[in-house]
Amino acid sequence: MNLDISRYLDSWEYQPGKIVVRKIKGKDGNPKIQLRVDLGILQMNLTGRPDGKLPFGHETLFEHYLSRLAKYADAQESDPSGFKLSIEDCSKLQQEAIQFHHRYICLFQLKDYDAVIRDTERNLAVFDFVNQFADSPEFAANIGQLRPQLLMMRARAKGSKEAEADQHSTAIHTIEQTMEEIRAFFREQNRPELADLSGEIQSLQQWSQEIRSTRPLSQREQLEQALQEAVRREDYEKAAEVRDALRNLKSVL
């Protein structure tokens, strides 16, 4: 058996600074994602745990710990407050979360926005779980530093899906809501001054401006723009007509 993968690497060029990803059909008949990196190719399953393993018979390690929590709560008469995750437990969950991080970055490049939302929300649930039950608050806080990036990627997926459906106002709302979530995160960390310096906030602000500048104007916005233009030209008859149209539109809404 020839284990040399040079021919695969030679036929798929690595591009520094770019996320080079593709979707393939695996030998098992299931879809896979491949990510080209400088020294080779990473391959991930499209669903379930990216590496395809079943930790302790569960689809993911996170589900294994959720099962442990449920058993603990049953034994404690529905009181899970004493359940704890060791540093080793948290480290294992963090390593699994990194696998999902790699996958949702690839999925975003493939414009599979629903799958990005699925994986980002899954990792957010892991972070909440660790934050609640970690025996080491310092370790939990260290893992939680990735929350702004996760929130941004979820917003990118949701907003892209909404914008493609011509729901531009909804996309802008999604972005603004996420920026507030990120600001709340920094307030909880007692570092509110870092919010507007974060790359996530700056990226979302820029994207929001791009959507606002390129989206089609609503009927109301078109009328408001026409009113401003009529007033600028001192065409007061036209301005009156546009005002009446605006009033009628507002009454309908």
Protein backbone atom coordinates (compact mmCIF):
# COMPACT_ATOMS: atom_id res chain seq x y z
CA MET A 1 0.00 0.00 0.00
CA ASN A 2 1.40 3.40 -1.00
CA LEU A 3 0.81 5.81 1.88
CA ASP A 4 2.39 8.82 0.16
CA ILE A 5 -0.25 11.58 -0.28
CA SER A 6 1.96 13.85 -2.41
CA ARG A 7 -0.25 13.43 -5.48
CA TYR A 8 -3.27 14.73 -3.55
CA LEU A 9 -1.32 17.72 -2.28
CA ASP A 10 0.12 18.47 -5.72
CA SER A 11 -3.35 18.45 -7.30
CA TRP A 12 -4.79 20.82 -4.67
CA GLU A 13 -2.65 23.89 -4.14
CA TYR A 14 -2.33 25.50 -0.73
CA GLN A 15 -2.99 29.27 -0.81
CA PRO A 16 -1.41 31.20 2.09
CA GLY A 17 -3.83 33.55 3.82
CA LYS A 18 -6.90 31.86 2.35
CA ILE A 19 -9.24 29.22 3.70
CA VAL A 20 -9.14 26.54 0.99
CA VAL A 21 -11.93 24.05 1.59
CA ARG A 22 -14.02 21.58 -0.37
CA LYS A 23 -16.80 19.06 0.20
CA ILE A 24 -16.30 15.47 -0.96
CA LYS A 25 -18.10 12.13 -0.76
CA GLY A 26 -16.31 9.73 1.57
CA LYS A 27 -15.65 6.03 1.05
CA ASP A 28 -18.52 5.37 3.45
CA GLY A 29 -20.87 7.28 1.16
CA ASN A 30 -21.23 10.19 3.57
CA PRO A 31 -20.21 13.79 2.79
CA LYS A 32 -16.89 15.01 4.21
CA ILE A 33 -15.17 18.37 4.42
CA GLN A 34 -11.51 18.78 3.51
CA LEU A 35 -9.39 21.75 4.55
CA ARG A 36 -6.08 22.37 2.77
CA VAL A 37 -3.36 23.44 5.21
CA ASP A 38 0.29 24.15 4.55
CA LEU A 39 1.50 20.67 5.47
CA GLY A 40 -1.41 18.57 4.30
CA ILE A 41 -5.18 18.09 4.33
CA LEU A 42 -7.57 17.96 7.28
CA GLN A 43 -10.69 15.87 6.75
CA MET A 44 -13.85 16.19 8.86
CA ASN A 45 -17.26 14.58 8.98
CA LEU A 46 -20.08 16.91 8.00
CA THR A 47 -22.26 15.91 10.95
CA GLY A 48 -21.65 14.60 14.43
CA ARG A 49 -18.19 14.89 15.92
CA PRO A 50 -15.80 16.10 13.17
CA ASP A 51 -13.33 13.25 13.66
CA GLY A 52 -16.10 10.65 13.57
CA LYS A 53 -15.32 9.18 16.99
CA LEU A 54 -18.01 8.18 19.50
CA PRO A 55 -16.63 8.98 22.99
CA PHE A 56 -18.06 6.52 25.54
CA GLY A 57 -20.69 5.56 22.97
CA HIS A 58 -22.01 9.11 22.59
CA GLU A 59 -22.00 11.23 19.46
CA THR A 60 -19.77 13.79 21.21
CA LEU A 61 -17.86 14.11 24.46
CA PHE A 62 -20.19 16.96 25.41
CA GLU A 63 -23.17 14.60 25.23
CA HIS A 64 -21.27 12.14 27.42
CA TYR A 65 -20.85 14.81 30.12
CA LEU A 66 -24.49 15.86 29.78
CA SER A 67 -25.41 12.21 30.41
CA ARG A 68 -23.16 12.17 33.48
CA LEU A 69 -24.84 15.34 34.73
CA ALA A 70 -28.31 13.84 34.26
CA LYS A 71 -27.33 10.71 36.21
CA TYR A 72 -25.81 12.84 38.97
CA ALA A 73 -28.95 14.98 39.19
CA ASP A 74 -31.13 11.86 39.43
CA ALA A 75 -29.00 10.55 42.27
CA GLN A 76 -29.20 13.90 44.05
CA GLU A 77 -32.97 14.26 43.66
CA SER A 78 -32.71 16.72 40.72
CA ASP A 79 -30.07 18.86 42.42
CA PRO A 80 -27.05 19.18 40.06
CA SER A 81 -25.32 21.93 42.03
CA GLY A 82 -22.59 19.62 43.32
CA PHE A 83 -21.62 18.36 39.87
CA LYS A 84 -18.09 19.43 38.93
CA LEU A 85 -15.86 19.29 35.89
CA SER A 86 -12.15 18.81 36.58
CA ILE A 87 -9.49 20.72 34.68
CA GLU A 88 -8.91 17.54 32.67
CA ASP A 89 -12.62 17.34 31.82
CA CYS A 90 -12.65 20.97 30.71
CA SER A 91 -9.50 20.49 28.66
CA LYS A 92 -11.08 17.55 26.81
CA LEU A 93 -14.21 19.57 26.10
CA GLN A 94 -12.05 22.43 24.88
CA GLN A 95 -10.18 20.16 22.46
CA GLU A 96 -13.45 18.85 21.09
CA ALA A 97 -14.75 22.42 20.71
CA ILE A 98 -11.67 23.23 18.61
CA GLN A 99 -12.67 20.47 16.19
CA PHE A 100 -16.10 22.09 15.79
CA HIS A 101 -14.39 25.48 15.40
CA HIS A 102 -12.39 24.21 12.43
CA ARG A 103 -15.54 22.78 10.91
CA TYR A 104 -17.77 25.83 11.21
CA ILE A 105 -15.05 28.00 9.67
CA CYS A 106 -15.01 25.62 6.69
CA LEU A 107 -18.80 25.45 6.57
CA PHE A 108 -19.00 29.23 6.37
CA GLN A 109 -16.70 29.21 3.35
CA LEU A 110 -19.01 26.63 1.78
CA LYS A 111 -22.01 28.88 2.60
CA ASP A 112 -23.68 26.11 4.59
CA TYR A 113 -25.11 28.66 7.01
CA ASP A 114 -27.52 26.33 8.81
CA ALA A 115 -24.63 24.01 9.71
CA VAL A 116 -22.55 26.99 10.92
CA ILE A 117 -25.42 28.02 13.20
CA ARG A 118 -25.69 24.43 14.45
CA ASP A 119 -21.98 24.15 15.31
CA THR A 120 -21.59 27.63 16.83
CA GLU A 121 -24.64 27.19 19.04
CA ARG A 122 -23.30 23.81 20.08
CA ASN A 123 -19.98 25.35 21.16
CA LEU A 124 -21.79 28.17 22.97
CA ALA A 125 -23.69 25.51 24.92
CA VAL A 126 -20.37 23.85 25.80
CA PHE A 127 -18.97 27.16 27.07
CA ASP A 128 -22.08 27.71 29.23
CA PHE A 129 -21.76 24.17 30.57
CA VAL A 130 -18.10 24.62 31.48
CA ASN A 131 -18.76 28.05 33.00
CA GLN A 132 -21.47 26.57 35.22
CA PHE A 133 -19.75 23.40 36.39
CA ALA A 134 -15.97 23.88 36.07
CA ASP A 135 -14.10 23.21 39.28
CA SER A 136 -11.59 25.87 38.16
CA PRO A 137 -13.22 29.27 37.47
CA GLU A 138 -9.94 30.47 35.97
CA PHE A 139 -9.92 27.67 33.41
CA ALA A 140 -13.58 28.31 32.57
CA ALA A 141 -12.84 32.01 32.06
CA ASN A 142 -9.93 31.12 29.78
CA ILE A 143 -12.18 28.99 27.56
CA GLY A 144 -14.85 31.70 27.58
CA GLN A 145 -12.53 34.21 25.93
CA LEU A 146 -13.53 32.68 22.58
CA ARG A 147 -17.19 33.64 23.07
CA PRO A 148 -17.03 36.92 21.06
CA GLN A 149 -15.62 35.06 18.05
CA LEU A 150 -18.31 32.41 18.33
CA LEU A 151 -21.06 35.02 18.57
CA MET A 152 -19.67 36.83 15.54
CA MET A 153 -19.58 33.66 13.42
CA ARG A 154 -23.14 32.77 14.38
CA ALA A 155 -24.24 36.29 13.42
CA ARG A 156 -22.34 36.02 10.14
CA ALA A 157 -24.21 32.82 9.29
CA LYS A 158 -27.62 34.07 10.38
CA GLY A 159 -27.15 37.47 8.76
CA SER A 160 -25.87 36.01 5.49
CA LYS A 161 -28.85 33.68 5.32
CA GLU A 162 -31.24 36.57 5.97
CA ALA A 163 -29.55 38.91 3.49
CA GLU A 164 -29.68 36.25 0.76
CA ALA A 165 -33.43 35.99 1.42
CA ASP A 166 -33.68 39.80 0.94
CA GLN A 167 -34.44 40.21 4.65
CA HIS A 168 -31.91 43.00 5.02
CA SER A 169 -33.56 44.70 7.98
CA THR A 170 -33.63 41.39 9.84
CA ALA A 171 -29.94 40.85 9.05
CA ILE A 172 -29.08 44.29 10.43
CA HIS A 173 -31.08 43.51 13.58
CA THR A 174 -29.17 40.23 13.97
CA ILE A 175 -25.86 42.10 13.71
CA GLU A 176 -26.88 44.80 16.20
CA GLN A 177 -28.21 42.22 18.66
CA THR A 178 -24.94 40.27 18.46
CA MET A 179 -22.84 43.39 19.01
CA GLU A 180 -24.82 44.02 22.18
CA GLU A 181 -24.21 40.41 23.29
CA ILE A 182 -20.47 40.91 22.78
CA ARG A 183 -20.53 44.19 24.69
CA ALA A 184 -22.40 42.44 27.51
CA PHE A 185 -19.66 39.81 27.58
CA PHE A 186 -16.98 42.46 28.09
CA ARG A 187 -19.09 44.15 30.77
CA GLU A 188 -19.33 40.83 32.61
CA GLN A 189 -15.54 40.61 32.38
CA ASN A 190 -15.33 44.12 33.90
CA ARG A 191 -13.58 45.28 30.72
CA PRO A 192 -16.28 47.27 28.87
CA GLU A 193 -13.63 49.50 27.29
CA LEU A 194 -12.40 46.54 25.22
CA ALA A 195 -15.71 46.07 23.40
CA ASP A 196 -15.27 48.65 20.65
CA LEU A 197 -11.62 47.67 20.29
CA SER A 198 -12.49 44.04 19.58
CA GLY A 199 -12.05 42.75 16.06
CA GLU A 200 -15.47 41.10 16.27
CA ILE A 201 -17.32 44.37 16.94
CA GLN A 202 -15.36 46.20 14.26
CA SER A 203 -16.03 43.45 11.72
CA LEU A 204 -19.76 43.42 12.46
CA GLN A 205 -19.99 47.21 12.32
CA GLN A 206 -18.33 47.26 8.92
CA TRP A 207 -20.60 44.50 7.65
CA SER A 208 -23.70 46.32 8.92
CA GLN A 209 -22.64 49.45 7.02
CA GLU A 210 -22.11 47.40 3.86
CA ILE A 211 -25.61 45.93 4.10
CA ARG A 212 -27.16 49.35 4.74
CA SER A 213 -25.38 50.87 1.73
CA THR A 214 -26.21 48.08 -0.73
CA ARG A 215 -29.67 46.86 0.29
CA PRO A 216 -32.72 47.93 -1.72
CA LEU A 217 -34.65 50.80 -0.14
CA SER A 218 -38.08 50.06 1.32
CA GLN A 219 -41.09 51.95 0.01
CA ARG A 220 -41.03 54.19 3.06
CA GLU A 221 -37.33 54.93 2.66
CA GLN A 222 -37.85 55.74 -1.01
CA LEU A 223 -40.61 58.21 -0.10
CA GLU A 224 -38.50 59.78 2.65
CA GLN A 225 -35.64 60.18 0.21
CA ALA A 226 -38.01 61.71 -2.38
CA LEU A 227 -39.33 64.13 0.25
CA GLN A 228 -35.83 65.30 1.12
CA GLU A 229 -35.05 65.80 -2.56
CA ALA A 230 -38.28 67.75 -3.17
CA VAL A 231 -37.56 70.06 -0.22
CA ARG A 232 -33.99 70.54 -1.42
CA ARG A 233 -35.29 71.62 -4.85
CA GLU A 234 -37.99 73.75 -3.16
CA ASP A 235 -40.63 71.80 -5.06
CA TYR A 236 -43.23 72.18 -2.32
CA GLU A 237 -46.09 70.80 -4.38
CA LYS A 238 -44.16 67.59 -4.90
CA ALA A 239 -43.14 67.59 -1.23
CA ALA A 240 -46.81 67.80 -0.21
CA GLU A 241 -47.68 64.85 -2.44
CA VAL A 242 -44.89 62.77 -0.97
CA ARG A 243 -45.95 63.69 2.60
CA ASP A 244 -49.48 62.50 1.82
CA ALA A 245 -48.08 59.26 0.41
CA LEU A 246 -46.01 58.79 3.59
CA ARG A 247 -49.06 59.38 5.82
CA ASN A 248 -51.09 56.87 3.82
CA LEU A 249 -48.28 54.34 4.04
CA LYS A 250 -47.99 54.78 7.82
CA SER A 251 -51.75 54.38 8.24
CA VAL A 252 -51.63 51.12 6.31
CA LEU A 253 -48.73 49.86 8.40
